Amino acid sequence: MKIIRHASRHTPLPHPVIGLGNFDGVHLGHRMILSRLVEEARARQGTALAMTFYPHPLSVLRPGSPVPLILSLREKLRRIAESGADGTVVQRFGLDFSQLAPEAFVRQYLLDSIGVEKILVGHNFSFGRDRAGNAGLLSALGKRWGFEVEVIGSVTVGQQEVSSTVVRSLLQTGKLREATTLLAQPYAVSGRVVQGFQRGRQIGFPTANIRPRTSVLLPNGVYAVRACVDAGEYNAVANVGVNPTFGENQRTVETNLFDFSADLYGKRLRVSFIKRLRAERKFSSVEELVRQIREDADRARSFLSSTGNTPS
């Protein structure tokens, strides 16, 4: 998938159809937009483009209370690519950009630079200065300037409307199964493997420590996970937390990959959370901690071997 940085500097593509949104989480609602986007582009023998904004607009407009992102930009782009989109426009969002009138945004960034033929948005999409633009204004501009607009309605699961806010809340309260249903695949974080205290290696359970680019939204605890590195996927167990037994206070993600012995330092590791095994807690001794780690690893192995990627 092609990544386009800053739309106004890009050469127009053949018959572009574009889906607009933040796409944080790439949840079922976003997937509906992306599915229609690809379908429309293929019907026109055109180009299916998603446009997302980076950093998240609210982190610029409300710097004192930034939105905790569900996915890093890298993970979001990976999931958009899985939809079949030909490209994603990563539009830089700054204070100057936020002051664009809705009409100026459409004219400069969608028509003049991309030459858009059709735009798809969710029913609650807003854009432009003071969020003055909405689906209704976009449709009116389409009639005036000659492009089509399709508004995608809400997606519900049970009685719950799918949204990034709902997914974020589910993850933060530890409702992993429900969140994964709305995401259509497991919640994941990724980062480079960095040097830790090597305590895991000393007690017989070497772990890969990563520093994700986004906050880990799940509660502290031990999880059965799938770990992806290079081209391989491995069953694993991960601890999210601060290692209270050793008196630490920096939150980390430490993952023990089963049946894996290669050097991981400097490699990018993606950890997909499948099941929460227990809460993090402080142990009275290292020996007690080791016994619990063995039990956690056995439970993770058993669960992952019997259910694969089914979240719980």
C-alpha atoms as a PDB file:
ATOM      1  CA  MET A   1       0.000   0.000   0.000  1.00  0.00           C
ATOM      2  CA  LYS A   2       1.265   3.440  -0.934  1.00  0.00           C
ATOM      3  CA  ILE A   3       1.729   5.950   1.914  1.00  0.00           C
ATOM      4  CA  ILE A   4       1.217   9.586   0.897  1.00  0.00           C
ATOM      5  CA  ARG A   5       2.522  12.241   3.247  1.00  0.00           C
ATOM      6  CA  HIS A   6       0.671  15.556   2.994  1.00  0.00           C
ATOM      7  CA  ALA A   7      -1.955  15.543   0.262  1.00  0.00           C
ATOM      8  CA  SER A   8      -1.361  19.035  -1.142  1.00  0.00           C
ATOM      9  CA  ARG A   9       2.075  18.005  -2.456  1.00  0.00           C
ATOM     10  CA  HIS A  10       0.848  14.896  -4.242  1.00  0.00           C
ATOM     11  CA  THR A  11       0.179  14.299  -7.916  1.00  0.00           C
ATOM     12  CA  PRO A  12      -3.423  13.217  -8.672  1.00  0.00           C
ATOM     13  CA  LEU A  13      -4.066   9.494  -9.138  1.00  0.00           C
ATOM     14  CA  PRO A  14      -6.430   7.731 -11.581  1.00  0.00           C
ATOM     15  CA  HIS A  15     -10.130   8.042 -10.619  1.00  0.00           C
ATOM     16  CA  PRO A  16      -9.520   8.475  -6.892  1.00  0.00           C
ATOM     17  CA  VAL A  17     -12.138   7.471  -4.346  1.00  0.00           C
ATOM     18  CA  ILE A  18     -11.285   8.566  -0.805  1.00  0.00           C
ATOM     19  CA  GLY A  19     -12.518   7.631   2.663  1.00  0.00           C
ATOM     20  CA  LEU A  20     -12.054  10.278   5.343  1.00  0.00           C
ATOM     21  CA  GLY A  21     -11.602   9.614   9.060  1.00  0.00           C
ATOM     22  CA  ASN A  22      -9.184   9.203  11.918  1.00  0.00           C
ATOM     23  CA  PHE A  23      -9.582   5.409  11.692  1.00  0.00           C
ATOM     24  CA  ASP A  24      -8.244   4.931  15.232  1.00  0.00           C
ATOM     25  CA  GLY A  25      -8.719   1.241  15.917  1.00  0.00           C
ATOM     26  CA  VAL A  26      -9.838   0.418  12.370  1.00  0.00           C
ATOM     27  CA  HIS A  27     -12.948  -1.035  14.024  1.00  0.00           C
ATOM     28  CA  LEU A  28     -16.056  -2.474  12.360  1.00  0.00           C
ATOM     29  CA  GLY A  29     -17.435   0.970  11.524  1.00  0.00           C
ATOM     30  CA  HIS A  30     -14.182   1.972   9.845  1.00  0.00           C
ATOM     31  CA  ARG A  31     -14.051  -1.363   8.046  1.00  0.00           C
ATOM     32  CA  MET A  32     -17.473  -0.676   6.556  1.00  0.00           C
ATOM     33  CA  ILE A  33     -16.150   2.584   5.080  1.00  0.00           C
ATOM     34  CA  LEU A  34     -13.001   0.890   3.805  1.00  0.00           C
ATOM     35  CA  SER A  35     -14.941  -1.987   2.263  1.00  0.00           C
ATOM     36  CA  ARG A  36     -17.211   0.393   0.341  1.00  0.00           C
ATOM     37  CA  LEU A  37     -14.172   2.484  -0.594  1.00  0.00           C
ATOM     38  CA  VAL A  38     -12.412  -0.446  -2.234  1.00  0.00           C
ATOM     39  CA  GLU A  39     -15.626  -1.627  -3.898  1.00  0.00           C
ATOM     40  CA  GLU A  40     -16.265   1.804  -5.423  1.00  0.00           C
ATOM     41  CA  ALA A  41     -12.693   2.232  -6.611  1.00  0.00           C
ATOM     42  CA  ARG A  42     -12.677  -1.175  -8.278  1.00  0.00           C
ATOM     43  CA  ALA A  43     -15.951  -0.410 -10.063  1.00  0.00           C
ATOM     44  CA  ARG A  44     -14.349   2.747 -11.522  1.00  0.00           C
ATOM     45  CA  GLN A  45     -10.999   1.072 -12.222  1.00  0.00           C
ATOM     46  CA  GLY A  46      -9.707   3.765  -9.931  1.00  0.00           C
ATOM     47  CA  THR A  47      -7.654   4.292  -6.781  1.00  0.00           C
ATOM     48  CA  ALA A  48      -8.926   3.527  -3.282  1.00  0.00           C
ATOM     49  CA  LEU A  49      -7.440   5.996  -0.797  1.00  0.00           C
ATOM     50  CA  ALA A  50      -8.007   6.413   2.918  1.00  0.00           C
ATOM     51  CA  MET A  51      -7.127   9.748   4.520  1.00  0.00           C
ATOM     52  CA  THR A  52      -6.191   9.871   8.177  1.00  0.00           C
ATOM     53  CA  PHE A  53      -4.817  12.730  10.260  1.00  0.00           C
ATOM     54  CA  TYR A  54      -1.611  12.716  12.290  1.00  0.00           C
ATOM     55  CA  PRO A  55      -1.218  13.524  15.072  1.00  0.00           C
ATOM     56  CA  HIS A  56      -4.773  12.962  16.303  1.00  0.00           C
ATOM     57  CA  PRO A  57      -6.650  16.283  15.937  1.00  0.00           C
ATOM     58  CA  LEU A  58      -7.706  16.376  19.593  1.00  0.00           C
ATOM     59  CA  SER A  59      -4.085  16.054  20.729  1.00  0.00           C
ATOM     60  CA  VAL A  60      -3.428  19.316  18.858  1.00  0.00           C
ATOM     61  CA  LEU A  61      -6.639  21.117  19.785  1.00  0.00           C
ATOM     62  CA  ARG A  62      -6.630  19.921  23.426  1.00  0.00           C
ATOM     63  CA  PRO A  63      -2.950  19.402  24.260  1.00  0.00           C
ATOM     64  CA  GLY A  64      -3.685  19.246  27.987  1.00  0.00           C
ATOM     65  CA  SER A  65      -5.914  16.185  27.597  1.00  0.00           C
ATOM     66  CA  PRO A  66      -4.672  14.118  24.657  1.00  0.00           C
ATOM     67  CA  VAL A  67      -6.695  11.153  23.412  1.00  0.00           C
ATOM     68  CA  PRO A  68      -5.098   7.780  24.274  1.00  0.00           C
ATOM     69  CA  LEU A  69      -4.783   6.130  20.872  1.00  0.00           C
ATOM     70  CA  ILE A  70      -5.979   2.577  20.290  1.00  0.00           C
ATOM     71  CA  LEU A  71      -3.354   1.927  17.620  1.00  0.00           C
ATOM     72  CA  SER A  72       0.001   3.375  16.692  1.00  0.00           C
ATOM     73  CA  LEU A  73       0.190   4.954  13.251  1.00  0.00           C
ATOM     74  CA  ARG A  74       2.208   1.958  11.999  1.00  0.00           C
ATOM     75  CA  GLU A  75      -0.399  -0.539  13.222  1.00  0.00           C
ATOM     76  CA  LYS A  76      -3.259   1.560  11.865  1.00  0.00           C
ATOM     77  CA  LEU A  77      -1.658   1.675   8.417  1.00  0.00           C
ATOM     78  CA  ARG A  78      -1.080  -2.082   8.520  1.00  0.00           C
ATOM     79  CA  ARG A  79      -4.757  -2.708   9.220  1.00  0.00           C
ATOM     80  CA  ILE A  80      -5.921  -0.250   6.562  1.00  0.00           C
ATOM     81  CA  ALA A  81      -3.665  -2.032   4.055  1.00  0.00           C
ATOM     82  CA  GLU A  82      -5.381  -5.318   4.933  1.00  0.00           C
ATOM     83  CA  SER A  83      -8.660  -3.806   3.684  1.00  0.00           C
ATOM     84  CA  GLY A  84      -7.302  -3.704   0.135  1.00  0.00           C
ATOM     85  CA  ALA A  85      -6.882   0.074  -0.044  1.00  0.00           C
ATOM     86  CA  ASP A  86      -4.350   1.217  -2.626  1.00  0.00           C
ATOM     87  CA  GLY A  87      -2.989   3.975  -0.443  1.00  0.00           C
ATOM     88  CA  THR A  88      -3.386   6.051   2.688  1.00  0.00           C
ATOM     89  CA  VAL A  89      -2.910   9.790   2.878  1.00  0.00           C
ATOM     90  CA  VAL A  90      -1.357  10.648   6.244  1.00  0.00           C
ATOM     91  CA  GLN A  91      -2.288  14.309   6.498  1.00  0.00           C
ATOM     92  CA  ARG A  92      -0.249  16.314   8.971  1.00  0.00           C
ATOM     93  CA  PHE A  93      -2.601  17.992  11.461  1.00  0.00           C
ATOM     94  CA  GLY A  94      -1.304  21.180  13.033  1.00  0.00           C
ATOM     95  CA  LEU A  95      -2.812  24.414  14.303  1.00  0.00           C
ATOM     96  CA  ASP A  96      -2.623  26.087  10.885  1.00  0.00           C
ATOM     97  CA  PHE A  97      -4.335  23.136   9.245  1.00  0.00           C
ATOM     98  CA  SER A  98      -7.034  23.147  11.934  1.00  0.00           C
ATOM     99  CA  GLN A  99      -7.968  26.717  10.963  1.00  0.00           C
ATOM    100  CA  LEU A 100      -8.848  25.831   7.371  1.00  0.00           C
ATOM    101  CA  ALA A 101     -12.473  26.519   6.477  1.00  0.00           C
ATOM    102  CA  PRO A 102     -14.273  23.320   5.419  1.00  0.00           C
ATOM    103  CA  GLU A 103     -14.574  24.555   1.838  1.00  0.00           C
ATOM    104  CA  ALA A 104     -10.839  25.337   1.695  1.00  0.00           C
ATOM    105  CA  PHE A 105      -9.943  21.855   2.947  1.00  0.00           C
ATOM    106  CA  VAL A 106     -12.095  20.177   0.297  1.00  0.00           C
ATOM    107  CA  ARG A 107     -10.866  22.405  -2.520  1.00  0.00           C
ATOM    108  CA  GLN A 108      -7.151  22.349  -1.660  1.00  0.00           C
ATOM    109  CA  TYR A 109      -6.601  18.867  -0.241  1.00  0.00           C
ATOM    110  CA  LEU A 110      -9.211  16.728  -2.008  1.00  0.00           C
ATOM    111  CA  LEU A 111      -9.955  18.356  -5.360  1.00  0.00           C
ATOM    112  CA  ASP A 112      -6.865  20.307  -6.429  1.00  0.00           C
ATOM    113  CA  SER A 113      -4.284  17.839  -5.101  1.00  0.00           C
ATOM    114  CA  ILE A 114      -6.012  14.444  -5.371  1.00  0.00           C
ATOM    115  CA  GLY A 115      -8.705  15.114  -7.969  1.00  0.00           C
ATOM    116  CA  VAL A 116     -11.238  13.144  -5.955  1.00  0.00           C
ATOM    117  CA  GLU A 117     -14.265  11.671  -7.738  1.00  0.00           C
ATOM    118  CA  LYS A 118     -16.061  10.278  -4.715  1.00  0.00           C
ATOM    119  CA  ILE A 119     -15.760  10.757  -0.950  1.00  0.00           C
ATOM    120  CA  LEU A 120     -16.965   8.337   1.721  1.00  0.00           C
ATOM    121  CA  VAL A 121     -17.443   9.395   5.344  1.00  0.00           C
ATOM    122  CA  GLY A 122     -19.085   8.113   8.482  1.00  0.00           C
ATOM    123  CA  HIS A 123     -22.378   9.651   9.522  1.00  0.00           C
ATOM    124  CA  ASN A 124     -20.783  11.684  12.335  1.00  0.00           C
ATOM    125  CA  PHE A 125     -17.666  12.894  10.486  1.00  0.00           C
ATOM    126  CA  SER A 126     -16.785  16.573  10.989  1.00  0.00           C
ATOM    127  CA  PHE A 127     -13.979  18.670   9.535  1.00  0.00           C
ATOM    128  CA  GLY A 128     -12.640  22.174   9.072  1.00  0.00           C
ATOM    129  CA  ARG A 129     -12.320  25.124  11.428  1.00  0.00           C
ATOM    130  CA  ASP A 130     -14.422  24.695  14.588  1.00  0.00           C
ATOM    131  CA  ARG A 131     -15.597  21.360  13.100  1.00  0.00           C
ATOM    132  CA  ALA A 132     -18.019  23.374  10.985  1.00  0.00           C
ATOM    133  CA  GLY A 133     -18.017  20.851   8.144  1.00  0.00           C
ATOM    134  CA  ASN A 134     -20.164  17.732   8.226  1.00  0.00           C
ATOM    135  CA  ALA A 135     -21.622  15.147   5.850  1.00  0.00           C
ATOM    136  CA  GLY A 136     -24.403  17.537   4.812  1.00  0.00           C
ATOM    137  CA  LEU A 137     -21.980  20.302   3.822  1.00  0.00           C
ATOM    138  CA  LEU A 138     -19.775  17.784   2.047  1.00  0.00           C
ATOM    139  CA  SER A 139     -22.752  16.602  -0.021  1.00  0.00           C
ATOM    140  CA  ALA A 140     -23.636  20.207  -0.897  1.00  0.00           C
ATOM    141  CA  LEU A 141     -20.050  20.882  -1.999  1.00  0.00           C
ATOM    142  CA  GLY A 142     -20.123  17.705  -4.066  1.00  0.00           C
ATOM    143  CA  LYS A 143     -23.135  18.935  -6.004  1.00  0.00           C
ATOM    144  CA  ARG A 144     -21.473  22.304  -6.541  1.00  0.00           C
ATOM    145  CA  TRP A 145     -18.032  21.028  -7.542  1.00  0.00           C
ATOM    146  CA  GLY A 146     -18.847  17.735  -9.221  1.00  0.00           C
ATOM    147  CA  PHE A 147     -17.870  14.886  -6.914  1.00  0.00           C
ATOM    148  CA  GLU A 148     -20.008  12.223  -5.280  1.00  0.00           C
ATOM    149  CA  VAL A 149     -20.466  11.728  -1.545  1.00  0.00           C
ATOM    150  CA  GLU A 150     -21.582   8.580   0.259  1.00  0.00           C
ATOM    151  CA  VAL A 151     -22.379   8.666   3.967  1.00  0.00           C
ATOM    152  CA  ILE A 152     -21.955   5.361   5.811  1.00  0.00           C
ATOM    153  CA  GLY A 153     -24.397   4.825   8.658  1.00  0.00           C
ATOM    154  CA  SER A 154     -23.550   3.574  12.114  1.00  0.00           C
ATOM    155  CA  VAL A 155     -22.597  -0.033  12.752  1.00  0.00           C
ATOM    156  CA  THR A 156     -23.967  -1.739  15.850  1.00  0.00           C
ATOM    157  CA  VAL A 157     -23.117  -4.967  17.630  1.00  0.00           C
ATOM    158  CA  GLY A 158     -26.027  -6.014  19.780  1.00  0.00           C
ATOM    159  CA  GLN A 159     -27.342  -2.734  21.162  1.00  0.00           C
ATOM    160  CA  GLN A 160     -23.929  -1.035  21.079  1.00  0.00           C
ATOM    161  CA  GLU A 161     -22.917   1.423  18.366  1.00  0.00           C
ATOM    162  CA  VAL A 162     -19.317   0.784  17.356  1.00  0.00           C
ATOM    163  CA  SER A 163     -16.991   3.733  17.924  1.00  0.00           C
ATOM    164  CA  SER A 164     -13.395   4.385  18.904  1.00  0.00           C
ATOM    165  CA  THR A 165     -14.601   5.830  22.212  1.00  0.00           C
ATOM    166  CA  VAL A 166     -16.444   2.613  23.047  1.00  0.00           C
ATOM    167  CA  VAL A 167     -13.482   0.414  22.039  1.00  0.00           C
ATOM    168  CA  ARG A 168     -11.117   2.552  24.113  1.00  0.00           C
ATOM    169  CA  SER A 169     -13.358   2.244  27.162  1.00  0.00           C
ATOM    170  CA  LEU A 170     -13.673  -1.532  26.786  1.00  0.00           C
ATOM    171  CA  LEU A 171      -9.906  -1.948  26.600  1.00  0.00           C
ATOM    172  CA  GLN A 172      -9.243   0.316  29.563  1.00  0.00           C
ATOM    173  CA  THR A 173     -11.693  -1.654  31.710  1.00  0.00           C
ATOM    174  CA  GLY A 174     -10.212  -5.004  30.698  1.00  0.00           C
ATOM    175  CA  LYS A 175     -13.101  -6.194  28.513  1.00  0.00           C
ATOM    176  CA  LEU A 176     -10.799  -7.760  25.972  1.00  0.00           C
ATOM    177  CA  ARG A 177     -13.288 -10.099  24.320  1.00  0.00           C
ATOM    178  CA  GLU A 178     -15.831  -7.334  23.714  1.00  0.00           C
ATOM    179  CA  ALA A 179     -13.200  -4.929  22.404  1.00  0.00           C
ATOM    180  CA  THR A 180     -11.747  -7.524  20.048  1.00  0.00           C
ATOM    181  CA  THR A 181     -15.202  -8.189  18.621  1.00  0.00           C
ATOM    182  CA  LEU A 182     -15.581  -4.510  17.718  1.00  0.00           C
ATOM    183  CA  LEU A 183     -12.030  -4.356  16.336  1.00  0.00           C
ATOM    184  CA  ALA A 184     -12.531  -7.576  14.312  1.00  0.00           C
ATOM    185  CA  GLN A 185      -9.055  -8.711  15.379  1.00  0.00           C
ATOM    186  CA  PRO A 186      -7.009  -8.676  18.583  1.00  0.00           C
ATOM    187  CA  TYR A 187      -5.804  -5.439  20.096  1.00  0.00           C
ATOM    188  CA  ALA A 188      -2.066  -5.091  19.489  1.00  0.00           C
ATOM    189  CA  VAL A 189       0.902  -2.928  20.396  1.00  0.00           C
ATOM    190  CA  SER A 190       4.335  -2.893  18.819  1.00  0.00           C
ATOM    191  CA  GLY A 191       7.774  -1.468  19.341  1.00  0.00           C
ATOM    192  CA  ARG A 192      11.488  -2.129  19.189  1.00  0.00           C
ATOM    193  CA  VAL A 193      12.890  -4.647  21.630  1.00  0.00           C
ATOM    194  CA  VAL A 194      15.086  -2.762  24.102  1.00  0.00           C
ATOM    195  CA  GLN A 195      17.506  -3.684  26.868  1.00  0.00           C
ATOM    196  CA  GLY A 196      15.807  -4.336  30.204  1.00  0.00           C
ATOM    197  CA  PHE A 197      17.062  -5.425  33.612  1.00  0.00           C
ATOM    198  CA  GLN A 198      17.437  -9.014  32.299  1.00  0.00           C
ATOM    199  CA  ARG A 199      15.732 -10.370  35.415  1.00  0.00           C
ATOM    200  CA  GLY A 200      13.631 -12.721  33.286  1.00  0.00           C
ATOM    201  CA  ARG A 201      16.744 -14.322  31.849  1.00  0.00           C
ATOM    202  CA  GLN A 202      18.234 -14.677  35.335  1.00  0.00           C
ATOM    203  CA  ILE A 203      15.195 -16.615  36.600  1.00  0.00           C
ATOM    204  CA  GLY A 204      14.822 -18.777  33.488  1.00  0.00           C
ATOM    205  CA  PHE A 205      12.130 -16.829  31.615  1.00  0.00           C
ATOM    206  CA  PRO A 206      13.832 -14.410  29.192  1.00  0.00           C
ATOM    207  CA  THR A 207      11.525 -11.635  28.044  1.00  0.00           C
ATOM    208  CA  ALA A 208      11.536  -9.174  25.169  1.00  0.00           C
ATOM    209  CA  ASN A 209      10.866  -5.665  26.457  1.00  0.00           C
ATOM    210  CA  ILE A 210       9.235  -3.198  24.099  1.00  0.00           C
ATOM    211  CA  ARG A 211       8.410   0.477  24.392  1.00  0.00           C
ATOM    212  CA  PRO A 212       5.238   1.003  22.359  1.00  0.00           C
ATOM    213  CA  ARG A 213       4.724   4.299  20.540  1.00  0.00           C
ATOM    214  CA  THR A 214       1.263   4.565  22.120  1.00  0.00           C
ATOM    215  CA  SER A 215      -0.038   3.906  25.614  1.00  0.00           C
ATOM    216  CA  VAL A 216      -1.077   0.346  26.380  1.00  0.00           C
ATOM    217  CA  LEU A 217      -4.780   0.725  27.104  1.00  0.00           C
ATOM    218  CA  LEU A 218      -5.226  -2.581  28.926  1.00  0.00           C
ATOM    219  CA  PRO A 219      -5.061  -2.863  32.732  1.00  0.00           C
ATOM    220  CA  ASN A 220      -1.848  -4.151  34.244  1.00  0.00           C
ATOM    221  CA  GLY A 221      -1.710  -7.919  34.265  1.00  0.00           C
ATOM    222  CA  VAL A 222      -0.523 -11.103  32.596  1.00  0.00           C
ATOM    223  CA  TYR A 223      -1.874 -12.028  29.151  1.00  0.00           C
ATOM    224  CA  ALA A 224      -1.778 -14.907  26.702  1.00  0.00           C
ATOM    225  CA  VAL A 225      -0.584 -13.260  23.487  1.00  0.00           C
ATOM    226  CA  ARG A 226       0.630 -13.845  19.954  1.00  0.00           C
ATOM    227  CA  ALA A 227       4.015 -12.288  19.239  1.00  0.00           C
ATOM    228  CA  CYS A 228       5.025 -11.397  15.674  1.00  0.00           C
ATOM    229  CA  VAL A 229       8.643 -10.752  14.751  1.00  0.00           C
ATOM    230  CA  ASP A 230      10.173 -10.722  11.273  1.00  0.00           C
ATOM    231  CA  ALA A 231       7.944 -13.137   9.335  1.00  0.00           C
ATOM    232  CA  GLY A 232       7.122 -15.416  12.254  1.00  0.00           C
ATOM    233  CA  GLU A 233       4.301 -15.650  14.792  1.00  0.00           C
ATOM    234  CA  TYR A 234       4.742 -17.294  18.185  1.00  0.00           C
ATOM    235  CA  ASN A 235       2.557 -18.172  21.126  1.00  0.00           C
ATOM    236  CA  ALA A 236       3.711 -16.197  24.139  1.00  0.00           C
ATOM    237  CA  VAL A 237       2.856 -14.808  27.556  1.00  0.00           C
ATOM    238  CA  ALA A 238       3.205 -11.103  28.343  1.00  0.00           C
ATOM    239  CA  ASN A 239       3.241  -8.966  31.465  1.00  0.00           C
ATOM    240  CA  VAL A 240       1.943  -5.412  31.278  1.00  0.00           C
ATOM    241  CA  GLY A 241       2.855  -3.432  34.359  1.00  0.00           C
ATOM    242  CA  VAL A 242       5.545  -2.144  36.687  1.00  0.00           C
ATOM    243  CA  ASN A 243       7.064  -5.307  38.222  1.00  0.00           C
ATOM    244  CA  PRO A 244       6.045  -4.524  41.828  1.00  0.00           C
ATOM    245  CA  THR A 245       7.999  -7.490  43.197  1.00  0.00           C
ATOM    246  CA  PHE A 246      11.198  -5.635  42.264  1.00  0.00           C
ATOM    247  CA  GLY A 247       9.941  -2.193  43.297  1.00  0.00           C
ATOM    248  CA  GLU A 248       9.922  -0.689  39.815  1.00  0.00           C
ATOM    249  CA  ASN A 249       7.595   2.087  38.660  1.00  0.00           C
ATOM    250  CA  GLN A 250       8.063   2.302  34.889  1.00  0.00           C
ATOM    251  CA  ARG A 251       5.270   0.600  32.958  1.00  0.00           C
ATOM    252  CA  THR A 252       6.587  -1.975  30.494  1.00  0.00           C
ATOM    253  CA  VAL A 253       5.448  -4.747  28.170  1.00  0.00           C
ATOM    254  CA  GLU A 254       7.574  -7.877  28.716  1.00  0.00           C
ATOM    255  CA  THR A 255       6.930 -10.881  26.505  1.00  0.00           C
ATOM    256  CA  ASN A 256       8.214 -14.442  26.819  1.00  0.00           C
ATOM    257  CA  LEU A 257       8.032 -16.173  23.417  1.00  0.00           C
ATOM    258  CA  PHE A 258       7.545 -19.929  23.621  1.00  0.00           C
ATOM    259  CA  ASP A 259       9.963 -22.171  21.715  1.00  0.00           C
ATOM    260  CA  PHE A 260      12.064 -19.213  20.566  1.00  0.00           C
ATOM    261  CA  SER A 261      15.723 -18.563  21.327  1.00  0.00           C
ATOM    262  CA  ALA A 262      17.070 -16.047  18.778  1.00  0.00           C
ATOM    263  CA  ASP A 263      18.336 -12.581  19.716  1.00  0.00           C
ATOM    264  CA  LEU A 264      15.511 -10.026  19.541  1.00  0.00           C
ATOM    265  CA  TYR A 265      17.310  -6.818  20.523  1.00  0.00           C
ATOM    266  CA  GLY A 266      16.571  -4.030  18.075  1.00  0.00           C
ATOM    267  CA  LYS A 267      13.873  -5.984  16.252  1.00  0.00           C
ATOM    268  CA  ARG A 268      10.292  -4.779  15.958  1.00  0.00           C
ATOM    269  CA  LEU A 269       7.877  -6.930  17.906  1.00  0.00           C
ATOM    270  CA  ARG A 270       4.083  -6.843  17.648  1.00  0.00           C
ATOM    271  CA  VAL A 271       2.138  -8.250  20.582  1.00  0.00           C
ATOM    272  CA  SER A 272      -1.513  -9.206  20.038  1.00  0.00           C
ATOM    273  CA  PHE A 273      -3.487  -9.708  23.251  1.00  0.00           C
ATOM    274  CA  ILE A 274      -5.694 -12.808  23.268  1.00  0.00           C
ATOM    275  CA  LYS A 275      -6.655 -13.512  26.912  1.00  0.00           C
ATOM    276  CA  ARG A 276      -6.102 -11.881  30.292  1.00  0.00           C
ATOM    277  CA  LEU A 277      -4.812 -14.502  32.715  1.00  0.00           C
ATOM    278  CA  ARG A 278      -4.592 -12.500  35.927  1.00  0.00           C
ATOM    279  CA  ALA A 279      -3.940  -9.097  37.453  1.00  0.00           C
ATOM    280  CA  GLU A 280      -0.403  -7.982  38.237  1.00  0.00           C
ATOM    281  CA  ARG A 281       0.550  -8.400  41.885  1.00  0.00           C
ATOM    282  CA  LYS A 282       3.528  -8.235  44.208  1.00  0.00           C
ATOM    283  CA  PHE A 283       5.075 -11.506  45.381  1.00  0.00           C
ATOM    284  CA  SER A 284       6.783 -12.107  48.718  1.00  0.00           C
ATOM    285  CA  SER A 285       9.816 -13.756  47.113  1.00  0.00           C
ATOM    286  CA  VAL A 286      11.468 -14.416  43.778  1.00  0.00           C
ATOM    287  CA  GLU A 287      10.764 -18.131  44.240  1.00  0.00           C
ATOM    288  CA  GLU A 288       7.038 -17.450  44.568  1.00  0.00           C
ATOM    289  CA  LEU A 289       7.170 -15.253  41.460  1.00  0.00           C
ATOM    290  CA  VAL A 290       8.923 -18.005  39.462  1.00  0.00           C
ATOM    291  CA  ARG A 291       6.272 -20.542  40.434  1.00  0.00           C
ATOM    292  CA  GLN A 292       3.543 -18.166  39.298  1.00  0.00           C
ATOM    293  CA  ILE A 293       5.321 -17.417  36.016  1.00  0.00           C
ATOM    294  CA  ARG A 294       5.533 -21.141  35.283  1.00  0.00           C
ATOM    295  CA  GLU A 295       1.814 -21.462  35.944  1.00  0.00           C
ATOM    296  CA  ASP A 296       1.051 -18.430  33.762  1.00  0.00           C
ATOM    297  CA  ALA A 297       3.134 -19.821  30.907  1.00  0.00           C
ATOM    298  CA  ASP A 298       1.436 -23.225  31.142  1.00  0.00           C
ATOM    299  CA  ARG A 299      -2.016 -21.609  31.099  1.00  0.00           C
ATOM    300  CA  ALA A 300      -1.084 -19.434  28.119  1.00  0.00           C
ATOM    301  CA  ARG A 301       0.314 -22.395  26.170  1.00  0.00           C
ATOM    302  CA  SER A 302      -2.766 -24.477  26.863  1.00  0.00           C
ATOM    303  CA  PHE A 303      -5.202 -21.723  25.947  1.00  0.00           C
ATOM    304  CA  LEU A 304      -3.433 -20.624  22.765  1.00  0.00           C
ATOM    305  CA  SER A 305      -2.918 -24.158  21.500  1.00  0.00           C
ATOM    306  CA  SER A 306      -6.592 -25.007  21.965  1.00  0.00           C
ATOM    307  CA  THR A 307      -8.240 -21.771  20.780  1.00  0.00           C
ATOM    308  CA  GLY A 308      -5.729 -19.985  18.537  1.00  0.00           C
ATOM    309  CA  ASN A 309      -6.525 -16.271  18.252  1.00  0.00           C
ATOM    310  CA  THR A 310      -9.976 -16.403  19.810  1.00  0.00           C
ATOM    311  CA  PRO A 311     -10.022 -13.596  22.405  1.00  0.00           C
ATOM    312  CA  SER A 312     -11.279 -14.040  25.928  1.00  0.00           C
END
